[in-house]
Amino acid sequence: MPEHNEALRQLHLAKKIERLVLSPEQLEEFEYTIATAMSEDLALNFDLFDNRFVREITGKVGYVDHLRKEFKVKDDRGDTNFIRFADILNVKTP
């Protein structure tokens, strides 16, 4: 059992990443994808930076707060997630 725990710990450590700096073109593309999905009521897949790990959320964007630079996504389970623009690594349609 200790070997199994060590293997899981090593696997967990291997997935850690550093925060990426996205280009203005990438950010513009993400904004366009989000705006299009909102207007057509479509779900999106988000890859997010979360404490040096990548977290994935699939859901529909309900509201964008440009002053706080975040938006609200209701996921498949019905949970509401607040996502900061700075945490987005990738946005795509499912």
Foldseek 3Di string as FASTA:
>chain_A
DVVVVVVVVVVVVVQFADQDDDDPVQLVVVVVVLVVCQVVVAKKWWFWCDPRHTDIFIFHWDAADVVQQWTWGQGPVRDIDIGHSSGTPDMDGD
